[in-house]
């Protein structure tokens, strides 16, 4: 693991994978986390129940084809749907520098 945490660790790419595998999995190892899903499956539930929160840092806030808000909502809905759950509510995440 690198000595310092860089901003690209939140990019969803290789740096994110490295952070999760070298830091979080080692300390919080369990079968559900080791699946590395983008959403958490909450059990027990009669129907598939999942939770996900996406957050982004994009500049500018509005860009051709969308905005930071639509990007966050669509990403979260997709993560939940990939576990077979239906989105009913949205959570809110803030990135404060």
PDB file of N, CA and C in Angstrom:
ATOM      1  N   UNK A   1       0.845  -1.179   0.000  1.00  0.00           N
ATOM      2  CA  UNK A   1       0.000   0.000   0.000  1.00  0.00           C
ATOM      3  C   UNK A   1       0.885   1.234   0.000  1.00  0.00           C
ATOM      4  N   UNK A   2       0.519   2.214  -0.787  1.00  0.00           N
ATOM      5  CA  UNK A   2       1.267   3.470  -0.841  1.00  0.00           C
ATOM      6  C   UNK A   2       1.209   4.176   0.508  1.00  0.00           C
ATOM      7  N   UNK A   3       2.190   5.026   0.759  1.00  0.00           N
ATOM      8  CA  UNK A   3       2.266   5.757   2.022  1.00  0.00           C
ATOM      9  C   UNK A   3       1.213   6.860   2.131  1.00  0.00           C
ATOM     10  N   UNK A   4       0.735   7.363   0.992  1.00  0.00           N
ATOM     11  CA  UNK A   4      -0.265   8.417   1.043  1.00  0.00           C
ATOM     12  C   UNK A   4      -1.434   8.046   0.139  1.00  0.00           C
ATOM     13  N   UNK A   5      -2.560   8.605   0.441  1.00  0.00           N
ATOM     14  CA  UNK A   5      -3.765   8.355  -0.330  1.00  0.00           C
ATOM     15  C   UNK A   5      -3.930   9.477  -1.348  1.00  0.00           C
ATOM     16  N   UNK A   6      -3.994   9.108  -2.624  1.00  0.00           N
ATOM     17  CA  UNK A   6      -4.133  10.090  -3.693  1.00  0.00           C
ATOM     18  C   UNK A   6      -5.597  10.172  -4.129  1.00  0.00           C
ATOM     19  N   UNK A   7      -5.963  11.284  -4.768  1.00  0.00           N
ATOM     20  CA  UNK A   7      -7.341  11.484  -5.205  1.00  0.00           C
ATOM     21  C   UNK A   7      -7.817  10.418  -6.185  1.00  0.00           C
ATOM     22  N   UNK A   8      -6.917   9.830  -6.966  1.00  0.00           N
ATOM     23  CA  UNK A   8      -7.368   8.834  -7.947  1.00  0.00           C
ATOM     24  C   UNK A   8      -7.870   7.551  -7.286  1.00  0.00           C
ATOM     25  N   UNK A   9      -7.694   7.386  -5.978  1.00  0.00           N
ATOM     26  CA  UNK A   9      -8.228   6.216  -5.280  1.00  0.00           C
ATOM     27  C   UNK A   9      -9.753   6.200  -5.332  1.00  0.00           C
ATOM     28  N   UNK A  10     -10.373   7.338  -5.572  1.00  0.00           N
ATOM     29  CA  UNK A  10     -11.826   7.405  -5.676  1.00  0.00           C
ATOM     30  C   UNK A  10     -12.341   7.365  -7.094  1.00  0.00           C
ATOM     31  N   UNK A  11     -11.483   7.060  -8.042  1.00  0.00           N
ATOM     32  CA  UNK A  11     -11.870   7.121  -9.451  1.00  0.00           C
ATOM     33  C   UNK A  11     -12.638   5.900  -9.939  1.00  0.00           C
ATOM     34  N   UNK A  12     -12.632   4.831  -9.166  1.00  0.00           N
ATOM     35  CA  UNK A  12     -13.298   3.613  -9.615  1.00  0.00           C
ATOM     36  C   UNK A  12     -12.410   2.742 -10.478  1.00  0.00           C
ATOM     37  N   UNK A  13     -11.184   3.136 -10.710  1.00  0.00           N
ATOM     38  CA  UNK A  13     -10.259   2.377 -11.543  1.00  0.00           C
ATOM     39  C   UNK A  13      -9.301   1.527 -10.730  1.00  0.00           C
ATOM     40  N   UNK A  14      -8.099   1.341 -11.266  1.00  0.00           N
ATOM     41  CA  UNK A  14      -7.098   0.493 -10.609  1.00  0.00           C
ATOM     42  C   UNK A  14      -6.712   0.993  -9.224  1.00  0.00           C
ATOM     43  N   UNK A  15      -6.625   2.304  -9.060  1.00  0.00           N
ATOM     44  CA  UNK A  15      -6.259   2.855  -7.746  1.00  0.00           C
ATOM     45  C   UNK A  15      -7.331   2.515  -6.709  1.00  0.00           C
ATOM     46  N   UNK A  16      -8.601   2.542  -7.113  1.00  0.00           N
ATOM     47  CA  UNK A  16      -9.686   2.170  -6.198  1.00  0.00           C
ATOM     48  C   UNK A  16      -9.593   0.694  -5.830  1.00  0.00           C
ATOM     49  N   UNK A  17      -9.345  -0.144  -6.825  1.00  0.00           N
ATOM     50  CA  UNK A  17      -9.190  -1.579  -6.576  1.00  0.00           C
ATOM     51  C   UNK A  17      -8.055  -1.840  -5.606  1.00  0.00           C
ATOM     52  N   UNK A  18      -6.955  -1.151  -5.799  1.00  0.00           N
ATOM     53  CA  UNK A  18      -5.786  -1.324  -4.940  1.00  0.00           C
ATOM     54  C   UNK A  18      -6.116  -0.911  -3.502  1.00  0.00           C
ATOM     55  N   UNK A  19      -6.796   0.204  -3.337  1.00  0.00           N
ATOM     56  CA  UNK A  19      -7.172   0.665  -2.006  1.00  0.00           C
ATOM     57  C   UNK A  19      -8.073  -0.350  -1.315  1.00  0.00           C
ATOM     58  N   UNK A  20      -9.089  -0.825  -2.007  1.00  0.00           N
ATOM     59  CA  UNK A  20     -10.022  -1.788  -1.412  1.00  0.00           C
ATOM     60  C   UNK A  20      -9.312  -3.092  -1.068  1.00  0.00           C
ATOM     61  N   UNK A  21      -8.537  -3.632  -1.995  1.00  0.00           N
ATOM     62  CA  UNK A  21      -7.908  -4.935  -1.759  1.00  0.00           C
ATOM     63  C   UNK A  21      -6.787  -4.883  -0.729  1.00  0.00           C
ATOM     64  N   UNK A  22      -6.022  -3.814  -0.708  1.00  0.00           N
ATOM     65  CA  UNK A  22      -4.877  -3.753   0.200  1.00  0.00           C
ATOM     66  C   UNK A  22      -5.212  -3.159   1.563  1.00  0.00           C
ATOM     67  N   UNK A  23      -6.298  -2.441   1.656  1.00  0.00           N
ATOM     68  CA  UNK A  23      -6.629  -1.796   2.926  1.00  0.00           C
ATOM     69  C   UNK A  23      -7.915  -2.370   3.531  1.00  0.00           C
ATOM     70  N   UNK A  24      -9.029  -2.193   2.851  1.00  0.00           N
ATOM     71  CA  UNK A  24     -10.313  -2.559   3.433  1.00  0.00           C
ATOM     72  C   UNK A  24     -10.536  -4.062   3.547  1.00  0.00           C
ATOM     73  N   UNK A  25     -10.268  -4.827   2.493  1.00  0.00           N
ATOM     74  CA  UNK A  25     -10.520  -6.266   2.544  1.00  0.00           C
ATOM     75  C   UNK A  25      -9.712  -6.938   3.644  1.00  0.00           C
ATOM     76  N   UNK A  26      -8.524  -6.470   3.858  1.00  0.00           N
ATOM     77  CA  UNK A  26      -7.660  -7.075   4.876  1.00  0.00           C
ATOM     78  C   UNK A  26      -8.261  -6.920   6.276  1.00  0.00           C
ATOM     79  N   UNK A  27      -8.905  -5.808   6.521  1.00  0.00           N
ATOM     80  CA  UNK A  27      -9.439  -5.536   7.849  1.00  0.00           C
ATOM     81  C   UNK A  27     -10.909  -5.898   8.026  1.00  0.00           C
ATOM     82  N   UNK A  28     -11.651  -5.952   6.937  1.00  0.00           N
ATOM     83  CA  UNK A  28     -13.083  -6.217   7.023  1.00  0.00           C
ATOM     84  C   UNK A  28     -13.483  -7.442   6.213  1.00  0.00           C
ATOM     85  N   UNK A  29     -12.604  -8.407   6.079  1.00  0.00           N
ATOM     86  CA  UNK A  29     -12.851  -9.570   5.235  1.00  0.00           C
ATOM     87  C   UNK A  29     -14.104 -10.325   5.676  1.00  0.00           C
ATOM     88  N   UNK A  30     -14.993 -10.554   4.721  1.00  0.00           N
ATOM     89  CA  UNK A  30     -16.175 -11.389   4.924  1.00  0.00           C
ATOM     90  C   UNK A  30     -16.697 -11.764   3.542  1.00  0.00           C
ATOM     91  N   UNK A  31     -17.477 -12.844   3.432  1.00  0.00           N
ATOM     92  CA  UNK A  31     -17.928 -13.315   2.113  1.00  0.00           C
ATOM     93  C   UNK A  31     -18.696 -12.271   1.305  1.00  0.00           C
ATOM     94  N   UNK A  32     -19.503 -11.419   1.945  1.00  0.00           N
ATOM     95  CA  UNK A  32     -20.260 -10.415   1.195  1.00  0.00           C
ATOM     96  C   UNK A  32     -19.354  -9.325   0.648  1.00  0.00           C
ATOM     97  N   UNK A  33     -18.414  -8.848   1.444  1.00  0.00           N
ATOM     98  CA  UNK A  33     -17.499  -7.805   0.988  1.00  0.00           C
ATOM     99  C   UNK A  33     -16.566  -8.332  -0.102  1.00  0.00           C
ATOM    100  N   UNK A  34     -16.137  -9.566   0.032  1.00  0.00           N
ATOM    101  CA  UNK A  34     -15.195 -10.145  -0.933  1.00  0.00           C
ATOM    102  C   UNK A  34     -15.806 -10.323  -2.317  1.00  0.00           C
ATOM    103  N   UNK A  35     -17.131 -10.198  -2.446  1.00  0.00           N
ATOM    104  CA  UNK A  35     -17.765 -10.246  -3.772  1.00  0.00           C
ATOM    105  C   UNK A  35     -17.441  -9.001  -4.584  1.00  0.00           C
ATOM    106  N   UNK A  36     -17.061  -7.924  -3.902  1.00  0.00           N
ATOM    107  CA  UNK A  36     -16.691  -6.654  -4.536  1.00  0.00           C
ATOM    108  C   UNK A  36     -17.806  -6.069  -5.405  1.00  0.00           C
ATOM    109  N   UNK A  37     -19.052  -6.224  -4.962  1.00  0.00           N
ATOM    110  CA  UNK A  37     -20.180  -5.606  -5.657  1.00  0.00           C
ATOM    111  C   UNK A  37     -20.140  -4.099  -5.449  1.00  0.00           C
ATOM    112  N   UNK A  38     -20.830  -3.358  -6.303  1.00  0.00           N
ATOM    113  CA  UNK A  38     -20.926  -1.909  -6.174  1.00  0.00           C
ATOM    114  C   UNK A  38     -22.046  -1.490  -5.236  1.00  0.00           C
ATOM    115  N   UNK A  39     -22.816  -2.453  -4.755  1.00  0.00           N
ATOM    116  CA  UNK A  39     -23.898  -2.178  -3.809  1.00  0.00           C
ATOM    117  C   UNK A  39     -23.837  -3.244  -2.722  1.00  0.00           C
ATOM    118  N   UNK A  40     -24.439  -2.953  -1.584  1.00  0.00           N
ATOM    119  CA  UNK A  40     -24.490  -3.914  -0.488  1.00  0.00           C
ATOM    120  C   UNK A  40     -25.842  -4.602  -0.488  1.00  0.00           C
ATOM    121  N   UNK A  41     -25.837  -5.920  -0.488  1.00  0.00           N
ATOM    122  CA  UNK A  41     -27.078  -6.675  -0.376  1.00  0.00           C
ATOM    123  C   UNK A  41     -27.405  -6.806   1.106  1.00  0.00           C
ATOM    124  N   UNK A  42     -28.590  -6.336   1.495  1.00  0.00           N
ATOM    125  CA  UNK A  42     -28.985  -6.336   2.897  1.00  0.00           C
ATOM    126  C   UNK A  42     -29.865  -7.545   3.172  1.00  0.00           C
ATOM    127  N   UNK A  43     -29.499  -8.336   4.161  1.00  0.00           N
ATOM    128  CA  UNK A  43     -30.236  -9.556   4.495  1.00  0.00           C
ATOM    129  C   UNK A  43     -30.641  -9.506   5.952  1.00  0.00           C
ATOM    130  N   UNK A  44     -31.654 -10.193   6.396  1.00  0.00           N
ATOM    131  CA  UNK A  44     -32.623 -10.941   5.603  1.00  0.00           C
ATOM    132  C   UNK A  44     -33.713 -10.013   5.074  1.00  0.00           C
ATOM    133  N   UNK A  45     -34.200 -10.320   3.943  1.00  0.00           N
ATOM    134  CA  UNK A  45     -35.282  -9.546   3.341  1.00  0.00           C
ATOM    135  C   UNK A  45     -36.113 -10.479   2.470  1.00  0.00           C
ATOM    136  N   UNK A  46     -37.412 -10.230   2.422  1.00  0.00           N
ATOM    137  CA  UNK A  46     -38.296 -11.067   1.614  1.00  0.00           C
ATOM    138  C   UNK A  46     -37.996 -10.904   0.131  1.00  0.00           C
ATOM    139  N   UNK A  47     -37.681  -9.690  -0.278  1.00  0.00           N
ATOM    140  CA  UNK A  47     -37.335  -9.399  -1.673  1.00  0.00           C
ATOM    141  C   UNK A  47     -35.902  -8.868  -1.683  1.00  0.00           C
ATOM    142  N   UNK A  48     -35.242  -8.890  -2.821  1.00  0.00           N
ATOM    143  CA  UNK A  48     -33.877  -8.357  -2.863  1.00  0.00           C
ATOM    144  C   UNK A  48     -33.843  -6.916  -2.340  1.00  0.00           C
ATOM    145  N   UNK A  49     -32.982  -6.665  -1.372  1.00  0.00           N
ATOM    146  CA  UNK A  49     -32.837  -5.346  -0.784  1.00  0.00           C
ATOM    147  C   UNK A  49     -31.364  -4.971  -0.862  1.00  0.00           C
ATOM    148  N   UNK A  50     -31.088  -3.831  -1.465  1.00  0.00           N
ATOM    149  CA  UNK A  50     -29.698  -3.427  -1.667  1.00  0.00           C
ATOM    150  C   UNK A  50     -29.550  -1.943  -1.353  1.00  0.00           C
ATOM    151  N   UNK A  51     -28.322  -1.545  -1.056  1.00  0.00           N
ATOM    152  CA  UNK A  51     -28.008  -0.152  -0.729  1.00  0.00           C
ATOM    153  C   UNK A  51     -26.754   0.249  -1.482  1.00  0.00           C
ATOM    154  N   UNK A  52     -26.791   1.431  -2.091  1.00  0.00           N
ATOM    155  CA  UNK A  52     -25.616   1.958  -2.774  1.00  0.00           C
ATOM    156  C   UNK A  52     -25.669   3.477  -2.742  1.00  0.00           C
ATOM    157  N   UNK A  53     -24.522   4.090  -2.686  1.00  0.00           N
ATOM    158  CA  UNK A  53     -24.420   5.540  -2.783  1.00  0.00           C
ATOM    159  C   UNK A  53     -23.252   5.846  -3.707  1.00  0.00           C
ATOM    160  N   UNK A  54     -23.486   6.618  -4.726  1.00  0.00           N
ATOM    161  CA  UNK A  54     -22.415   7.060  -5.615  1.00  0.00           C
ATOM    162  C   UNK A  54     -22.187   8.541  -5.394  1.00  0.00           C
ATOM    163  N   UNK A  55     -20.957   8.938  -5.523  1.00  0.00           N
ATOM    164  CA  UNK A  55     -20.615  10.355  -5.462  1.00  0.00           C
ATOM    165  C   UNK A  55     -19.513  10.614  -6.475  1.00  0.00           C
ATOM    166  N   UNK A  56     -19.499  11.801  -7.009  1.00  0.00           N
ATOM    167  CA  UNK A  56     -18.559  12.135  -8.069  1.00  0.00           C
ATOM    168  C   UNK A  56     -18.002  13.530  -7.862  1.00  0.00           C
ATOM    169  N   UNK A  57     -16.822  13.728  -8.358  1.00  0.00           N
ATOM    170  CA  UNK A  57     -16.265  15.073  -8.458  1.00  0.00           C
ATOM    171  C   UNK A  57     -16.010  15.317  -9.936  1.00  0.00           C
ATOM    172  N   UNK A  58     -16.829  16.160 -10.512  1.00  0.00           N
ATOM    173  CA  UNK A  58     -16.750  16.435 -11.940  1.00  0.00           C
ATOM    174  C   UNK A  58     -16.726  17.946 -12.129  1.00  0.00           C
ATOM    175  N   UNK A  59     -15.867  18.385 -13.004  1.00  0.00           N
ATOM    176  CA  UNK A  59     -15.834  19.800 -13.335  1.00  0.00           C
ATOM    177  C   UNK A  59     -15.830  19.917 -14.855  1.00  0.00           C
ATOM    178  N   UNK A  60     -16.783  20.625 -15.395  1.00  0.00           N
ATOM    179  CA  UNK A  60     -17.837  21.439 -14.795  1.00  0.00           C
ATOM    180  C   UNK A  60     -18.984  20.559 -14.298  1.00  0.00           C
ATOM    181  N   UNK A  61     -19.870  21.144 -13.494  1.00  0.00           N
ATOM    182  CA  UNK A  61     -21.004  20.407 -12.943  1.00  0.00           C
ATOM    183  C   UNK A  61     -21.985  19.964 -14.019  1.00  0.00           C
ATOM    184  N   UNK A  62     -22.089  20.750 -15.091  1.00  0.00           N
ATOM    185  CA  UNK A  62     -22.943  20.404 -16.224  1.00  0.00           C
ATOM    186  C   UNK A  62     -22.051  20.207 -17.430  1.00  0.00           C
ATOM    187  N   UNK A  63     -22.286  19.134 -18.183  1.00  0.00           N
ATOM    188  CA  UNK A  63     -21.455  18.807 -19.330  1.00  0.00           C
ATOM    189  C   UNK A  63     -22.352  18.242 -20.424  1.00  0.00           C
ATOM    190  N   UNK A  64     -21.865  18.142 -21.653  1.00  0.00           N
ATOM    191  CA  UNK A  64     -22.703  17.623 -22.739  1.00  0.00           C
ATOM    192  C   UNK A  64     -23.275  16.246 -22.397  1.00  0.00           C
ATOM    193  N   UNK A  65     -24.583  16.129 -22.403  1.00  0.00           N
ATOM    194  CA  UNK A  65     -25.229  14.850 -22.141  1.00  0.00           C
ATOM    195  C   UNK A  65     -25.613  14.614 -20.694  1.00  0.00           C
ATOM    196  N   UNK A  66     -25.330  15.542 -19.776  1.00  0.00           N
ATOM    197  CA  UNK A  66     -25.727  15.287 -18.396  1.00  0.00           C
ATOM    198  C   UNK A  66     -25.183  16.289 -17.404  1.00  0.00           C
ATOM    199  N   UNK A  67     -25.242  15.889 -16.156  1.00  0.00           N
ATOM    200  CA  UNK A  67     -24.751  16.722 -15.058  1.00  0.00           C
ATOM    201  C   UNK A  67     -24.247  15.799 -13.962  1.00  0.00           C
ATOM    202  N   UNK A  68     -23.574  16.369 -12.990  1.00  0.00           N
ATOM    203  CA  UNK A  68     -23.064  15.567 -11.880  1.00  0.00           C
ATOM    204  C   UNK A  68     -24.217  14.889 -11.129  1.00  0.00           C
ATOM    205  N   UNK A  69     -25.377  15.531 -11.064  1.00  0.00           N
ATOM    206  CA  UNK A  69     -26.539  14.955 -10.385  1.00  0.00           C
ATOM    207  C   UNK A  69     -27.084  13.735 -11.101  1.00  0.00           C
ATOM    208  N   UNK A  70     -27.272  13.849 -12.422  1.00  0.00           N
ATOM    209  CA  UNK A  70     -27.791  12.694 -13.167  1.00  0.00           C
ATOM    210  C   UNK A  70     -26.777  11.555 -13.162  1.00  0.00           C
ATOM    211  N   UNK A  71     -25.494  11.876 -13.213  1.00  0.00           N
ATOM    212  CA  UNK A  71     -24.452  10.847 -13.163  1.00  0.00           C
ATOM    213  C   UNK A  71     -24.532  10.070 -11.848  1.00  0.00           C
ATOM    214  N   UNK A  72     -24.685  10.775 -10.730  1.00  0.00           N
ATOM    215  CA  UNK A  72     -24.765  10.118  -9.422  1.00  0.00           C
ATOM    216  C   UNK A  72     -26.030   9.273  -9.292  1.00  0.00           C
ATOM    217  N   UNK A  73     -27.180   9.798  -9.725  1.00  0.00           N
ATOM    218  CA  UNK A  73     -28.432   9.037  -9.626  1.00  0.00           C
ATOM    219  C   UNK A  73     -28.386   7.806 -10.510  1.00  0.00           C
ATOM    220  N   UNK A  74     -27.985   7.952 -11.750  1.00  0.00           N
ATOM    221  CA  UNK A  74     -27.951   6.804 -12.664  1.00  0.00           C
ATOM    222  C   UNK A  74     -26.958   5.749 -12.195  1.00  0.00           C
ATOM    223  N   UNK A  75     -25.811   6.165 -11.677  1.00  0.00           N
ATOM    224  CA  UNK A  75     -24.823   5.201 -11.169  1.00  0.00           C
ATOM    225  C   UNK A  75     -25.362   4.416  -9.990  1.00  0.00           C
ATOM    226  N   UNK A  76     -26.036   5.094  -9.070  1.00  0.00           N
ATOM    227  CA  UNK A  76     -26.594   4.437  -7.883  1.00  0.00           C
ATOM    228  C   UNK A  76     -27.705   3.469  -8.271  1.00  0.00           C
ATOM    229  N   UNK A  77     -28.614   3.889  -9.129  1.00  0.00           N
ATOM    230  CA  UNK A  77     -29.711   3.033  -9.573  1.00  0.00           C
ATOM    231  C   UNK A  77     -29.161   1.798 -10.285  1.00  0.00           C
ATOM    232  N   UNK A  78     -28.157   1.960 -11.110  1.00  0.00           N
ATOM    233  CA  UNK A  78     -27.555   0.829 -11.804  1.00  0.00           C
ATOM    234  C   UNK A  78     -26.925  -0.156 -10.814  1.00  0.00           C
ATOM    235  N   UNK A  79     -26.209   0.344  -9.809  1.00  0.00           N
ATOM    236  CA  UNK A  79     -25.572  -0.544  -8.827  1.00  0.00           C
ATOM    237  C   UNK A  79     -26.600  -1.398  -8.098  1.00  0.00           C
ATOM    238  N   UNK A  80     -27.715  -0.796  -7.703  1.00  0.00           N
ATOM    239  CA  UNK A  80     -28.775  -1.509  -6.994  1.00  0.00           C
ATOM    240  C   UNK A  80     -29.440  -2.524  -7.925  1.00  0.00           C
ATOM    241  N   UNK A  81     -29.727  -2.127  -9.144  1.00  0.00           N
ATOM    242  CA  UNK A  81     -30.379  -3.019 -10.106  1.00  0.00           C
ATOM    243  C   UNK A  81     -29.513  -4.232 -10.437  1.00  0.00           C
ATOM    244  N   UNK A  82     -28.210  -4.071 -10.433  1.00  0.00           N
ATOM    245  CA  UNK A  82     -27.313  -5.189 -10.752  1.00  0.00           C
ATOM    246  C   UNK A  82     -27.383  -6.303  -9.702  1.00  0.00           C
ATOM    247  N   UNK A  83     -27.901  -6.007  -8.516  1.00  0.00           N
ATOM    248  CA  UNK A  83     -28.104  -7.034  -7.487  1.00  0.00           C
ATOM    249  C   UNK A  83     -29.530  -7.574  -7.491  1.00  0.00           C
ATOM    250  N   UNK A  84     -30.345  -7.157  -8.465  1.00  0.00           N
ATOM    251  CA  UNK A  84     -31.713  -7.652  -8.578  1.00  0.00           C
ATOM    252  C   UNK A  84     -32.720  -6.896  -7.737  1.00  0.00           C
ATOM    253  N   UNK A  85     -32.299  -5.790  -7.136  1.00  0.00           N
ATOM    254  CA  UNK A  85     -33.218  -4.993  -6.316  1.00  0.00           C
ATOM    255  C   UNK A  85     -33.801  -3.859  -7.151  1.00  0.00           C
ATOM    256  N   UNK A  86     -34.930  -3.321  -6.689  1.00  0.00           N
ATOM    257  CA  UNK A  86     -35.566  -2.185  -7.363  1.00  0.00           C
ATOM    258  C   UNK A  86     -35.332  -0.929  -6.544  1.00  0.00           C
ATOM    259  N   UNK A  87     -34.895   0.147  -7.165  1.00  0.00           N
ATOM    260  CA  UNK A  87     -34.672   1.384  -6.409  1.00  0.00           C
ATOM    261  C   UNK A  87     -35.992   2.019  -5.961  1.00  0.00           C
ATOM    262  N   UNK A  88     -36.051   2.393  -4.691  1.00  0.00           N
ATOM    263  CA  UNK A  88     -37.221   3.076  -4.139  1.00  0.00           C
ATOM    264  C   UNK A  88     -36.862   4.433  -3.534  1.00  0.00           C
ATOM    265  N   UNK A  89     -35.652   4.544  -2.958  1.00  0.00           N
ATOM    266  CA  UNK A  89     -35.218   5.769  -2.299  1.00  0.00           C
ATOM    267  C   UNK A  89     -33.787   6.068  -2.718  1.00  0.00           C
ATOM    268  N   UNK A  90     -33.377   7.291  -2.502  1.00  0.00           N
ATOM    269  CA  UNK A  90     -32.001   7.698  -2.781  1.00  0.00           C
ATOM    270  C   UNK A  90     -31.332   8.130  -1.487  1.00  0.00           C
ATOM    271  N   UNK A  91     -30.074   7.768  -1.349  1.00  0.00           N
ATOM    272  CA  UNK A  91     -29.267   8.286  -0.247  1.00  0.00           C
ATOM    273  C   UNK A  91     -28.475   9.484  -0.794  1.00  0.00           C
ATOM    274  N   UNK A  92     -27.814  10.178   0.082  1.00  0.00           N
ATOM    275  CA  UNK A  92     -27.084  11.359  -0.336  1.00  0.00           C
ATOM    276  C   UNK A  92     -25.655  11.295   0.210  1.00  0.00           C
ATOM    277  N   UNK A  93     -24.683  11.523  -0.650  1.00  0.00           N
ATOM    278  CA  UNK A  93     -23.289  11.531  -0.233  1.00  0.00           C
ATOM    279  C   UNK A  93     -22.685  12.899  -0.561  1.00  0.00           C
ATOM    280  N   UNK A  94     -21.817  13.364   0.296  1.00  0.00           N
ATOM    281  CA  UNK A  94     -21.138  14.640   0.083  1.00  0.00           C
ATOM    282  C   UNK A  94     -19.641  14.405   0.125  1.00  0.00           C
ATOM    283  N   UNK A  95     -18.927  15.039  -0.767  1.00  0.00           N
ATOM    284  CA  UNK A  95     -17.470  15.028  -0.749  1.00  0.00           C
ATOM    285  C   UNK A  95     -17.040  16.429  -0.376  1.00  0.00           C
ATOM    286  N   UNK A  96     -16.459  16.564   0.793  1.00  0.00           N
ATOM    287  CA  UNK A  96     -16.052  17.868   1.297  1.00  0.00           C
ATOM    288  C   UNK A  96     -14.529  17.913   1.359  1.00  0.00           C
ATOM    289  N   UNK A  97     -13.953  18.853   0.658  1.00  0.00           N
ATOM    290  CA  UNK A  97     -12.492  18.975   0.674  1.00  0.00           C
ATOM    291  C   UNK A  97     -12.051  19.832   1.839  1.00  0.00           C
TER     292      UNK A  97
END
